[in-house]
C-alpha atoms as a PDB file:
ATOM      1  CA  MET A   1     -22.823 146.926 -32.168  1.00  0.00           C
ATOM      2  CA  ARG A   2     -23.043 147.281 -28.390  1.00  0.00           C
ATOM      3  CA  VAL A   3     -24.576 144.313 -26.603  1.00  0.00           C
ATOM      4  CA  ARG A   4     -25.617 144.499 -22.969  1.00  0.00           C
ATOM      5  CA  LEU A   5     -25.956 141.321 -20.929  1.00  0.00           C
ATOM      6  CA  CYS A   6     -28.166 140.679 -17.914  1.00  0.00           C
ATOM      7  CA  ALA A   7     -29.335 137.551 -16.103  1.00  0.00           C
ATOM      8  CA  PRO A   8     -33.122 137.311 -15.566  1.00  0.00           C
ATOM      9  CA  SER A   9     -32.814 133.966 -13.804  1.00  0.00           C
ATOM     10  CA  THR A  10     -29.571 132.507 -12.423  1.00  0.00           C
ATOM     11  CA  PRO A  11     -26.061 133.957 -12.129  1.00  0.00           C
ATOM     12  CA  LEU A  12     -23.129 133.698 -14.503  1.00  0.00           C
ATOM     13  CA  SER A  13     -19.628 133.220 -13.151  1.00  0.00           C
ATOM     14  CA  ARG A  14     -17.026 135.891 -13.795  1.00  0.00           C
ATOM     15  CA  ASP A  15     -14.736 133.227 -15.247  1.00  0.00           C
ATOM     16  CA  ASP A  16     -17.366 132.314 -17.839  1.00  0.00           C
ATOM     17  CA  ALA A  17     -17.847 135.983 -18.691  1.00  0.00           C
ATOM     18  CA  GLN A  18     -14.103 136.395 -19.216  1.00  0.00           C
ATOM     19  CA  ARG A  19     -14.022 133.404 -21.556  1.00  0.00           C
ATOM     20  CA  VAL A  20     -16.855 134.900 -23.608  1.00  0.00           C
ATOM     21  CA  LEU A  21     -15.128 138.282 -23.729  1.00  0.00           C
ATOM     22  CA  ALA A  22     -11.984 136.573 -24.996  1.00  0.00           C
ATOM     23  CA  LEU A  23     -13.965 135.032 -27.869  1.00  0.00           C
ATOM     24  CA  ALA A  24     -15.602 138.375 -28.616  1.00  0.00           C
ATOM     25  CA  ALA A  25     -12.157 139.853 -29.273  1.00  0.00           C
ATOM     26  CA  ASP A  26     -12.331 138.062 -32.630  1.00  0.00           C
ATOM     27  CA  PHE A  27     -15.390 140.158 -33.553  1.00  0.00           C
ATOM     28  CA  PRO A  28     -14.160 143.766 -33.491  1.00  0.00           C
ATOM     29  CA  GLY A  29     -17.544 145.165 -34.479  1.00  0.00           C
ATOM     30  CA  ILE A  30     -19.157 143.955 -31.266  1.00  0.00           C
ATOM     31  CA  THR A  31     -18.787 145.283 -27.716  1.00  0.00           C
ATOM     32  CA  LEU A  32     -20.094 143.129 -24.870  1.00  0.00           C
ATOM     33  CA  ASP A  33     -21.122 144.885 -21.659  1.00  0.00           C
ATOM     34  CA  PHE A  34     -21.914 142.514 -18.766  1.00  0.00           C
ATOM     35  CA  HIS A  35     -24.192 144.171 -16.225  1.00  0.00           C
ATOM     36  CA  PRO A  36     -22.862 143.601 -12.659  1.00  0.00           C
ATOM     37  CA  GLN A  37     -26.192 141.971 -11.852  1.00  0.00           C
ATOM     38  CA  CYS A  38     -25.107 138.946 -13.946  1.00  0.00           C
ATOM     39  CA  PHE A  39     -22.789 137.959 -11.088  1.00  0.00           C
ATOM     40  CA  ALA A  40     -25.132 138.642  -8.160  1.00  0.00           C
ATOM     41  CA  VAL A  41     -26.189 135.671  -6.046  1.00  0.00           C
ATOM     42  CA  HIS A  42     -29.383 135.542  -3.993  1.00  0.00           C
ATOM     43  CA  GLY A  43     -30.215 131.930  -3.194  1.00  0.00           C
ATOM     44  CA  HIS A  44     -31.012 130.253  -6.519  1.00  0.00           C
ATOM     45  CA  PHE A  45     -31.220 133.543  -8.382  1.00  0.00           C
ATOM     46  CA  ALA A  46     -28.947 136.182  -9.881  1.00  0.00           C
ATOM     47  CA  GLY A  47     -30.042 138.671  -7.255  1.00  0.00           C
ATOM     48  CA  PRO A  48     -33.506 139.411  -5.834  1.00  0.00           C
ATOM     49  CA  ASP A  49     -36.446 139.757  -8.209  1.00  0.00           C
ATOM     50  CA  ALA A  50     -36.293 143.562  -8.111  1.00  0.00           C
ATOM     51  CA  LEU A  51     -32.602 143.620  -8.968  1.00  0.00           C
ATOM     52  CA  ARG A  52     -33.069 141.288 -11.925  1.00  0.00           C
ATOM     53  CA  ARG A  53     -36.045 143.333 -13.103  1.00  0.00           C
ATOM     54  CA  ASP A  54     -34.218 146.656 -12.831  1.00  0.00           C
ATOM     55  CA  ALA A  55     -31.100 145.351 -14.592  1.00  0.00           C
ATOM     56  CA  PHE A  56     -33.189 144.165 -17.527  1.00  0.00           C
ATOM     57  CA  VAL A  57     -35.094 147.465 -17.725  1.00  0.00           C
ATOM     58  CA  GLU A  58     -31.819 149.395 -17.637  1.00  0.00           C
ATOM     59  CA  CYS A  59     -30.359 147.336 -20.473  1.00  0.00           C
ATOM     60  CA  ALA A  60     -33.532 147.331 -22.552  1.00  0.00           C
ATOM     61  CA  SER A  61     -34.051 151.085 -22.241  1.00  0.00           C
ATOM     62  CA  ASP A  62     -30.418 152.043 -22.950  1.00  0.00           C
ATOM     63  CA  PRO A  63     -30.487 154.061 -26.213  1.00  0.00           C
ATOM     64  CA  ASP A  64     -26.803 153.313 -26.859  1.00  0.00           C
ATOM     65  CA  CYS A  65     -27.330 149.535 -26.825  1.00  0.00           C
ATOM     66  CA  ASP A  66     -28.396 147.498 -29.862  1.00  0.00           C
ATOM     67  CA  ALA A  67     -29.098 144.123 -28.276  1.00  0.00           C
ATOM     68  CA  VAL A  68     -29.777 142.501 -24.907  1.00  0.00           C
ATOM     69  CA  TRP A  69     -28.243 139.050 -24.540  1.00  0.00           C
ATOM     70  CA  PHE A  70     -29.465 136.959 -21.622  1.00  0.00           C
ATOM     71  CA  ALA A  71     -26.455 135.489 -19.857  1.00  0.00           C
ATOM     72  CA  ARG A  72     -27.918 132.240 -18.602  1.00  0.00           C
ATOM     73  CA  GLY A  73     -31.110 130.241 -18.201  1.00  0.00           C
ATOM     74  CA  GLY A  74     -32.249 128.337 -15.123  1.00  0.00           C
ATOM     75  CA  TYR A  75     -35.563 129.054 -13.429  1.00  0.00           C
ATOM     76  CA  GLY A  76     -36.339 132.614 -12.388  1.00  0.00           C
ATOM     77  CA  ALA A  77     -37.339 134.903 -15.253  1.00  0.00           C
ATOM     78  CA  VAL A  78     -41.056 134.345 -14.694  1.00  0.00           C
ATOM     79  CA  ARG A  79     -40.783 136.034 -11.281  1.00  0.00           C
ATOM     80  CA  MET A  80     -39.918 139.400 -12.849  1.00  0.00           C
ATOM     81  CA  ALA A  81     -40.786 139.278 -16.549  1.00  0.00           C
ATOM     82  CA  GLY A  82     -44.271 140.761 -16.329  1.00  0.00           C
ATOM     83  CA  ALA A  83     -43.176 143.599 -14.053  1.00  0.00           C
ATOM     84  CA  ALA A  84     -40.124 144.310 -16.196  1.00  0.00           C
ATOM     85  CA  ILE A  85     -42.082 144.563 -19.447  1.00  0.00           C
ATOM     86  CA  ALA A  86     -44.735 146.704 -17.751  1.00  0.00           C
ATOM     87  CA  ALA A  87     -42.007 148.994 -16.396  1.00  0.00           C
ATOM     88  CA  LEU A  88     -40.693 149.633 -19.898  1.00  0.00           C
ATOM     89  CA  ASN A  89     -44.086 150.920 -20.990  1.00  0.00           C
ATOM     90  CA  SER A  90     -45.093 152.766 -17.823  1.00  0.00           C
ATOM     91  CA  ALA A  91     -41.820 154.692 -17.686  1.00  0.00           C
ATOM     92  CA  GLY A  92     -42.072 155.741 -21.321  1.00  0.00           C
ATOM     93  CA  LEU A  93     -38.946 153.761 -22.148  1.00  0.00           C
ATOM     94  CA  GLY A  94     -40.564 151.753 -24.918  1.00  0.00           C
ATOM     95  CA  PRO A  95     -38.984 153.416 -27.984  1.00  0.00           C
ATOM     96  CA  ALA A  96     -35.426 152.428 -27.100  1.00  0.00           C
ATOM     97  CA  ALA A  97     -36.506 148.935 -26.040  1.00  0.00           C
ATOM     98  CA  LYS A  98     -38.488 148.320 -29.215  1.00  0.00           C
ATOM     99  CA  GLY A  99     -35.469 148.776 -31.445  1.00  0.00           C
ATOM    100  CA  LYS A 100     -33.409 146.010 -29.850  1.00  0.00           C
ATOM    101  CA  LEU A 101     -32.661 142.372 -30.366  1.00  0.00           C
ATOM    102  CA  TYR A 102     -33.253 140.090 -27.348  1.00  0.00           C
ATOM    103  CA  LEU A 103     -31.355 136.810 -27.386  1.00  0.00           C
ATOM    104  CA  GLY A 104     -31.529 133.641 -25.301  1.00  0.00           C
ATOM    105  CA  TYR A 105     -33.306 130.306 -24.883  1.00  0.00           C
ATOM    106  CA  SER A 106     -34.426 127.842 -22.206  1.00  0.00           C
ATOM    107  CA  ASP A 107     -35.868 129.810 -19.268  1.00  0.00           C
ATOM    108  CA  ALA A 108     -34.988 133.017 -21.116  1.00  0.00           C
ATOM    109  CA  GLY A 109     -37.825 131.987 -23.426  1.00  0.00           C
ATOM    110  CA  THR A 110     -40.054 133.455 -20.725  1.00  0.00           C
ATOM    111  CA  MET A 111     -38.615 136.864 -21.576  1.00  0.00           C
ATOM    112  CA  LEU A 112     -38.739 136.225 -25.320  1.00  0.00           C
ATOM    113  CA  GLY A 113     -42.380 135.140 -25.155  1.00  0.00           C
ATOM    114  CA  GLY A 114     -43.457 138.088 -23.016  1.00  0.00           C
ATOM    115  CA  LEU A 115     -41.593 140.572 -25.183  1.00  0.00           C
ATOM    116  CA  TYR A 116     -43.031 139.055 -28.352  1.00  0.00           C
ATOM    117  CA  ARG A 117     -46.546 139.291 -26.973  1.00  0.00           C
ATOM    118  CA  ALA A 118     -45.969 142.928 -25.997  1.00  0.00           C
ATOM    119  CA  GLY A 119     -44.460 143.804 -29.382  1.00  0.00           C
ATOM    120  CA  VAL A 120     -41.201 144.902 -27.755  1.00  0.00           C
ATOM    121  CA  GLY A 121     -38.085 144.444 -29.860  1.00  0.00           C
ATOM    122  CA  ARG A 122     -37.039 141.392 -31.859  1.00  0.00           C
ATOM    123  CA  PRO A 123     -36.776 138.201 -29.796  1.00  0.00           C
ATOM    124  CA  VAL A 124     -34.278 135.590 -30.979  1.00  0.00           C
ATOM    125  CA  HIS A 125     -33.826 132.014 -29.778  1.00  0.00           C
ATOM    126  CA  ALA A 126     -30.039 131.736 -29.529  1.00  0.00           C
ATOM    127  CA  PRO A 127     -27.221 130.252 -27.439  1.00  0.00           C
ATOM    128  CA  MET A 128     -26.212 132.152 -24.320  1.00  0.00           C
ATOM    129  CA  PRO A 129     -22.857 132.969 -22.691  1.00  0.00           C
ATOM    130  CA  ALA A 130     -23.341 130.173 -20.135  1.00  0.00           C
ATOM    131  CA  ASP A 131     -23.114 127.696 -23.014  1.00  0.00           C
ATOM    132  CA  ILE A 132     -19.358 128.293 -22.913  1.00  0.00           C
ATOM    133  CA  ARG A 133     -19.354 125.548 -20.241  1.00  0.00           C
ATOM    134  CA  ARG A 134     -20.621 122.903 -22.649  1.00  0.00           C
ATOM    135  CA  ALA A 135     -18.424 120.643 -24.722  1.00  0.00           C
ATOM    136  CA  GLY A 136     -17.876 122.692 -27.862  1.00  0.00           C
ATOM    137  CA  GLY A 137     -19.529 125.669 -26.200  1.00  0.00           C
ATOM    138  CA  ASP A 138     -17.129 128.103 -27.813  1.00  0.00           C
ATOM    139  CA  ARG A 139     -18.782 127.266 -31.146  1.00  0.00           C
ATOM    140  CA  ALA A 140     -22.197 128.135 -29.730  1.00  0.00           C
ATOM    141  CA  VAL A 141     -20.991 131.504 -28.456  1.00  0.00           C
ATOM    142  CA  ARG A 142     -19.197 132.246 -31.723  1.00  0.00           C
ATOM    143  CA  ARG A 143     -22.381 131.380 -33.621  1.00  0.00           C
ATOM    144  CA  VAL A 144     -24.193 134.209 -31.856  1.00  0.00           C
ATOM    145  CA  LEU A 145     -21.328 136.685 -32.205  1.00  0.00           C
ATOM    146  CA  ALA A 146     -21.132 135.891 -35.926  1.00  0.00           C
ATOM    147  CA  TRP A 147     -24.907 136.296 -36.286  1.00  0.00           C
ATOM    148  CA  LEU A 148     -24.783 139.673 -34.575  1.00  0.00           C
ATOM    149  CA  SER A 149     -22.048 140.579 -37.065  1.00  0.00           C
ATOM    150  CA  GLY A 150     -24.353 139.779 -39.979  1.00  0.00           C
ATOM    151  CA  ASP A 151     -23.512 136.116 -40.670  1.00  0.00           C
ATOM    152  CA  ARG A 152     -26.820 134.228 -40.987  1.00  0.00           C
ATOM    153  CA  SER A 153     -25.234 130.781 -41.479  1.00  0.00           C
ATOM    154  CA  GLY A 154     -25.937 129.902 -37.836  1.00  0.00           C
ATOM    155  CA  GLU A 155     -29.711 130.118 -38.255  1.00  0.00           C
ATOM    156  CA  GLU A 156     -31.883 127.020 -38.121  1.00  0.00           C
ATOM    157  CA  PRO A 157     -31.878 125.735 -41.713  1.00  0.00           C
ATOM    158  CA  GLY A 158     -35.583 124.887 -41.904  1.00  0.00           C
ATOM    159  CA  ILE A 159     -36.810 128.475 -41.471  1.00  0.00           C
ATOM    160  CA  ASP A 160     -38.949 129.422 -44.482  1.00  0.00           C
ATOM    161  CA  HIS A 161     -41.402 132.140 -45.517  1.00  0.00           C
ATOM    162  CA  ARG A 162     -43.667 131.550 -42.507  1.00  0.00           C
ATOM    163  CA  PRO A 163     -43.288 133.301 -39.149  1.00  0.00           C
ATOM    164  CA  VAL A 164     -41.477 131.175 -36.601  1.00  0.00           C
ATOM    165  CA  ALA A 165     -40.836 130.939 -32.858  1.00  0.00           C
ATOM    166  CA  ALA A 166     -38.771 128.532 -30.755  1.00  0.00           C
ATOM    167  CA  PHE A 167     -39.145 127.500 -27.130  1.00  0.00           C
ATOM    168  CA  ASN A 168     -38.098 124.996 -24.537  1.00  0.00           C
ATOM    169  CA  LEU A 169     -41.154 122.770 -24.127  1.00  0.00           C
ATOM    170  CA  MET A 170     -41.451 123.223 -20.354  1.00  0.00           C
ATOM    171  CA  THR A 171     -41.015 126.985 -20.644  1.00  0.00           C
ATOM    172  CA  LEU A 172     -43.762 127.309 -23.245  1.00  0.00           C
ATOM    173  CA  ALA A 173     -46.055 125.040 -21.241  1.00  0.00           C
ATOM    174  CA  MET A 174     -45.664 127.330 -18.238  1.00  0.00           C
ATOM    175  CA  LEU A 175     -46.516 130.398 -20.352  1.00  0.00           C
ATOM    176  CA  VAL A 176     -49.794 128.927 -21.589  1.00  0.00           C
ATOM    177  CA  GLY A 177     -52.760 130.681 -20.001  1.00  0.00           C
ATOM    178  CA  THR A 178     -50.682 133.535 -18.552  1.00  0.00           C
ATOM    179  CA  PRO A 179     -50.278 137.197 -19.586  1.00  0.00           C
ATOM    180  CA  LEU A 180     -46.838 136.314 -20.997  1.00  0.00           C
ATOM    181  CA  MET A 181     -48.115 133.826 -23.581  1.00  0.00           C
ATOM    182  CA  PRO A 182     -47.575 135.222 -27.092  1.00  0.00           C
ATOM    183  CA  ASP A 183     -49.985 134.941 -29.998  1.00  0.00           C
ATOM    184  CA  LEU A 184     -48.426 132.302 -32.264  1.00  0.00           C
ATOM    185  CA  ARG A 185     -51.208 132.181 -34.808  1.00  0.00           C
ATOM    186  CA  GLY A 186     -49.832 131.188 -38.203  1.00  0.00           C
ATOM    187  CA  HIS A 187     -46.365 130.443 -36.780  1.00  0.00           C
ATOM    188  CA  VAL A 188     -44.235 127.372 -37.183  1.00  0.00           C
ATOM    189  CA  VAL A 189     -43.298 126.558 -33.581  1.00  0.00           C
ATOM    190  CA  LEU A 190     -39.998 124.807 -32.810  1.00  0.00           C
ATOM    191  CA  LEU A 191     -39.754 122.943 -29.509  1.00  0.00           C
ATOM    192  CA  GLU A 192     -36.934 121.273 -27.548  1.00  0.00           C
ATOM    193  CA  GLU A 193     -36.457 119.846 -24.065  1.00  0.00           C
ATOM    194  CA  VAL A 194     -33.796 118.636 -21.647  1.00  0.00           C
ATOM    195  CA  ALA A 195     -33.690 116.395 -18.566  1.00  0.00           C
ATOM    196  CA  GLU A 196     -37.341 115.308 -18.569  1.00  0.00           C
ATOM    197  CA  TYR A 197     -38.650 111.741 -18.508  1.00  0.00           C
ATOM    198  CA  HIS A 198     -40.327 110.585 -21.707  1.00  0.00           C
ATOM    199  CA  TYR A 199     -43.692 110.445 -19.954  1.00  0.00           C
ATOM    200  CA  ALA A 200     -43.211 114.081 -18.852  1.00  0.00           C
ATOM    201  CA  VAL A 201     -42.388 115.101 -22.429  1.00  0.00           C
ATOM    202  CA  ASP A 202     -45.598 113.399 -23.577  1.00  0.00           C
ATOM    203  CA  ARG A 203     -47.578 115.233 -20.883  1.00  0.00           C
ATOM    204  CA  LEU A 204     -46.046 118.568 -21.894  1.00  0.00           C
ATOM    205  CA  LEU A 205     -46.822 117.917 -25.553  1.00  0.00           C
ATOM    206  CA  PHE A 206     -50.469 117.281 -24.664  1.00  0.00           C
ATOM    207  CA  HIS A 207     -50.673 120.612 -22.857  1.00  0.00           C
ATOM    208  CA  VAL A 208     -48.769 122.651 -25.416  1.00  0.00           C
ATOM    209  CA  THR A 209     -50.396 121.223 -28.536  1.00  0.00           C
ATOM    210  CA  THR A 210     -53.852 121.808 -27.037  1.00  0.00           C
ATOM    211  CA  ALA A 211     -53.023 125.494 -26.566  1.00  0.00           C
ATOM    212  CA  LEU A 212     -51.290 125.894 -29.924  1.00  0.00           C
ATOM    213  CA  ALA A 213     -54.158 124.238 -31.778  1.00  0.00           C
ATOM    214  CA  ALA A 214     -56.530 126.778 -30.239  1.00  0.00           C
ATOM    215  CA  GLN A 215     -54.280 129.577 -31.475  1.00  0.00           C
ATOM    216  CA  GLY A 216     -54.129 128.175 -35.002  1.00  0.00           C
ATOM    217  CA  VAL A 217     -50.398 127.608 -35.453  1.00  0.00           C
ATOM    218  CA  ALA A 218     -49.060 126.669 -38.881  1.00  0.00           C
ATOM    219  CA  GLY A 219     -47.238 123.616 -37.566  1.00  0.00           C
ATOM    220  CA  ILE A 220     -44.763 122.154 -35.093  1.00  0.00           C
ATOM    221  CA  ARG A 221     -41.179 120.968 -35.485  1.00  0.00           C
ATOM    222  CA  LEU A 222     -39.330 119.138 -32.739  1.00  0.00           C
ATOM    223  CA  GLY A 223     -35.738 119.782 -31.768  1.00  0.00           C
ATOM    224  CA  ARG A 224     -33.597 117.582 -29.575  1.00  0.00           C
ATOM    225  CA  ILE A 225     -34.980 115.961 -26.430  1.00  0.00           C
ATOM    226  CA  SER A 226     -31.749 115.398 -24.523  1.00  0.00           C
ATOM    227  CA  ASP A 227     -30.433 114.005 -21.227  1.00  0.00           C
ATOM    228  CA  VAL A 228     -33.597 111.963 -20.696  1.00  0.00           C
ATOM    229  CA  PRO A 229     -33.548 110.288 -17.242  1.00  0.00           C
ATOM    230  CA  GLU A 230     -33.964 106.524 -17.119  1.00  0.00           C
ATOM    231  CA  ASN A 231     -37.395 105.509 -15.900  1.00  0.00           C
ATOM    232  CA  ASP A 232     -38.279 102.220 -14.176  1.00  0.00           C
ATOM    233  CA  ARG A 233     -39.879 101.034 -17.446  1.00  0.00           C
ATOM    234  CA  PRO A 234     -39.583 102.036 -21.126  1.00  0.00           C
ATOM    235  CA  PHE A 235     -42.158 104.545 -22.299  1.00  0.00           C
ATOM    236  CA  GLY A 236     -42.459 102.755 -25.618  1.00  0.00           C
ATOM    237  CA  MET A 237     -42.490 105.795 -27.877  1.00  0.00           C
ATOM    238  CA  GLU A 238     -39.743 108.149 -28.987  1.00  0.00           C
ATOM    239  CA  PRO A 239     -40.242 111.952 -28.733  1.00  0.00           C
ATOM    240  CA  SER A 240     -40.714 112.454 -32.475  1.00  0.00           C
ATOM    241  CA  ALA A 241     -43.481 109.852 -32.462  1.00  0.00           C
ATOM    242  CA  MET A 242     -45.071 111.531 -29.425  1.00  0.00           C
ATOM    243  CA  ALA A 243     -45.006 114.923 -31.140  1.00  0.00           C
ATOM    244  CA  ARG A 244     -46.439 113.528 -34.363  1.00  0.00           C
ATOM    245  CA  ASP A 245     -49.189 111.755 -32.419  1.00  0.00           C
ATOM    246  CA  TRP A 246     -50.227 114.852 -30.489  1.00  0.00           C
ATOM    247  CA  CYS A 247     -50.130 116.971 -33.648  1.00  0.00           C
ATOM    248  CA  ASP A 248     -52.433 114.451 -35.352  1.00  0.00           C
ATOM    249  CA  ARG A 249     -54.807 114.445 -32.386  1.00  0.00           C
ATOM    250  CA  GLN A 250     -54.954 118.256 -32.283  1.00  0.00           C
ATOM    251  CA  GLY A 251     -55.114 118.845 -36.029  1.00  0.00           C
ATOM    252  CA  ILE A 252     -51.706 120.562 -36.185  1.00  0.00           C
ATOM    253  CA  ALA A 253     -49.343 120.042 -39.099  1.00  0.00           C
ATOM    254  CA  TRP A 254     -46.354 117.908 -38.087  1.00  0.00           C
ATOM    255  CA  LEU A 255     -43.357 119.408 -39.882  1.00  0.00           C
ATOM    256  CA  GLY A 256     -40.547 117.139 -38.682  1.00  0.00           C
ATOM    257  CA  GLN A 257     -37.282 117.740 -36.898  1.00  0.00           C
ATOM    258  CA  ALA A 258     -35.538 120.986 -35.962  1.00  0.00           C
ATOM    259  CA  ASP A 259     -31.885 121.729 -35.230  1.00  0.00           C
ATOM    260  CA  ILE A 260     -32.272 123.260 -31.783  1.00  0.00           C
ATOM    261  CA  GLY A 261     -31.637 121.962 -28.283  1.00  0.00           C
ATOM    262  CA  HIS A 262     -29.805 122.291 -24.987  1.00  0.00           C
ATOM    263  CA  ASP A 263     -26.388 121.699 -26.539  1.00  0.00           C
ATOM    264  CA  ALA A 264     -23.586 123.443 -28.379  1.00  0.00           C
ATOM    265  CA  ALA A 265     -25.208 122.721 -31.758  1.00  0.00           C
ATOM    266  CA  ASN A 266     -28.266 124.834 -30.864  1.00  0.00           C
ATOM    267  CA  ARG A 267     -29.163 126.949 -33.901  1.00  0.00           C
ATOM    268  CA  ILE A 268     -30.496 130.501 -34.018  1.00  0.00           C
ATOM    269  CA  VAL A 269     -34.193 131.209 -34.616  1.00  0.00           C
ATOM    270  CA  PRO A 270     -35.311 134.844 -35.033  1.00  0.00           C
ATOM    271  CA  PHE A 271     -38.962 135.125 -33.989  1.00  0.00           C
ATOM    272  CA  GLY A 272     -41.483 136.227 -36.586  1.00  0.00           C
ATOM    273  CA  LEU A 273     -40.450 136.659 -40.180  1.00  0.00           C
ATOM    274  CA  ALA A 274     -36.680 136.525 -40.642  1.00  0.00           C
ATOM    275  CA  GLU A 275     -36.861 138.602 -43.805  1.00  0.00           C
ATOM    276  CA  ARG A 276     -38.820 141.338 -42.056  1.00  0.00           C
ATOM    277  CA  GLN A 277     -36.493 141.361 -39.073  1.00  0.00           C
ATOM    278  CA  GLU A 278     -33.420 141.921 -41.215  1.00  0.00           C
ATOM    279  CA  GLY A 279     -35.118 144.908 -42.799  1.00  0.00           C
ATOM    280  CA  GLN A 280     -36.308 146.541 -39.571  1.00  0.00           C
END
């Protein structure tokens, strides 16, 4: 399997890439190909919008590549996602792109959501190379490399017969009402968040559950809400209670906890039906 890596948002360091390549040596069936754009720096971003767009299109349309792995999150993908997905179709490059896996999470969920809506490839919520920086990050990277090698033990254990999707809560909230928002009707939606006050998590849950109720989702599960800043007063409700409350208000099934989050334990969630994806 040949995996190409690009950075739709913020840059990856060459040192981090080398550490990931060293881990990949233990998986002889996988070749990792970091696009030079991963290391570009343009202010906050991994190169200007056009460069990030073109790198993604190049990777996605490469007929000799089986998967596109997003190198890192951080804000930025929304600035080029729509144009990038449109470019795949307008240039007649869709067939190669539609046969690929696309892996990432956090802000990369912007790409996953837009691709899922467009019916391009097989989006997968999964750790990214930048996770190598986390405590235990080598385990997160190995989880993805093992999954790409056919080992499904790293998948989120609660996935069942229903279609599923997983997003960072802020990322999904920003997709709502835009041309990148996927149709999640009938899906179990897994959500996680990092570095937001409890009151902000509650606000995001209001927005997201309102939209998901209108779509008719099958239910919501909540992953880890981590690195919560300390407010000047306690919010008085934990995230799981917030999620359950908003699900009850919106008439969505509350399905409990999920094993995903901004940490090295983040599990893999293939969008849609896992059984169908393995057979495609």
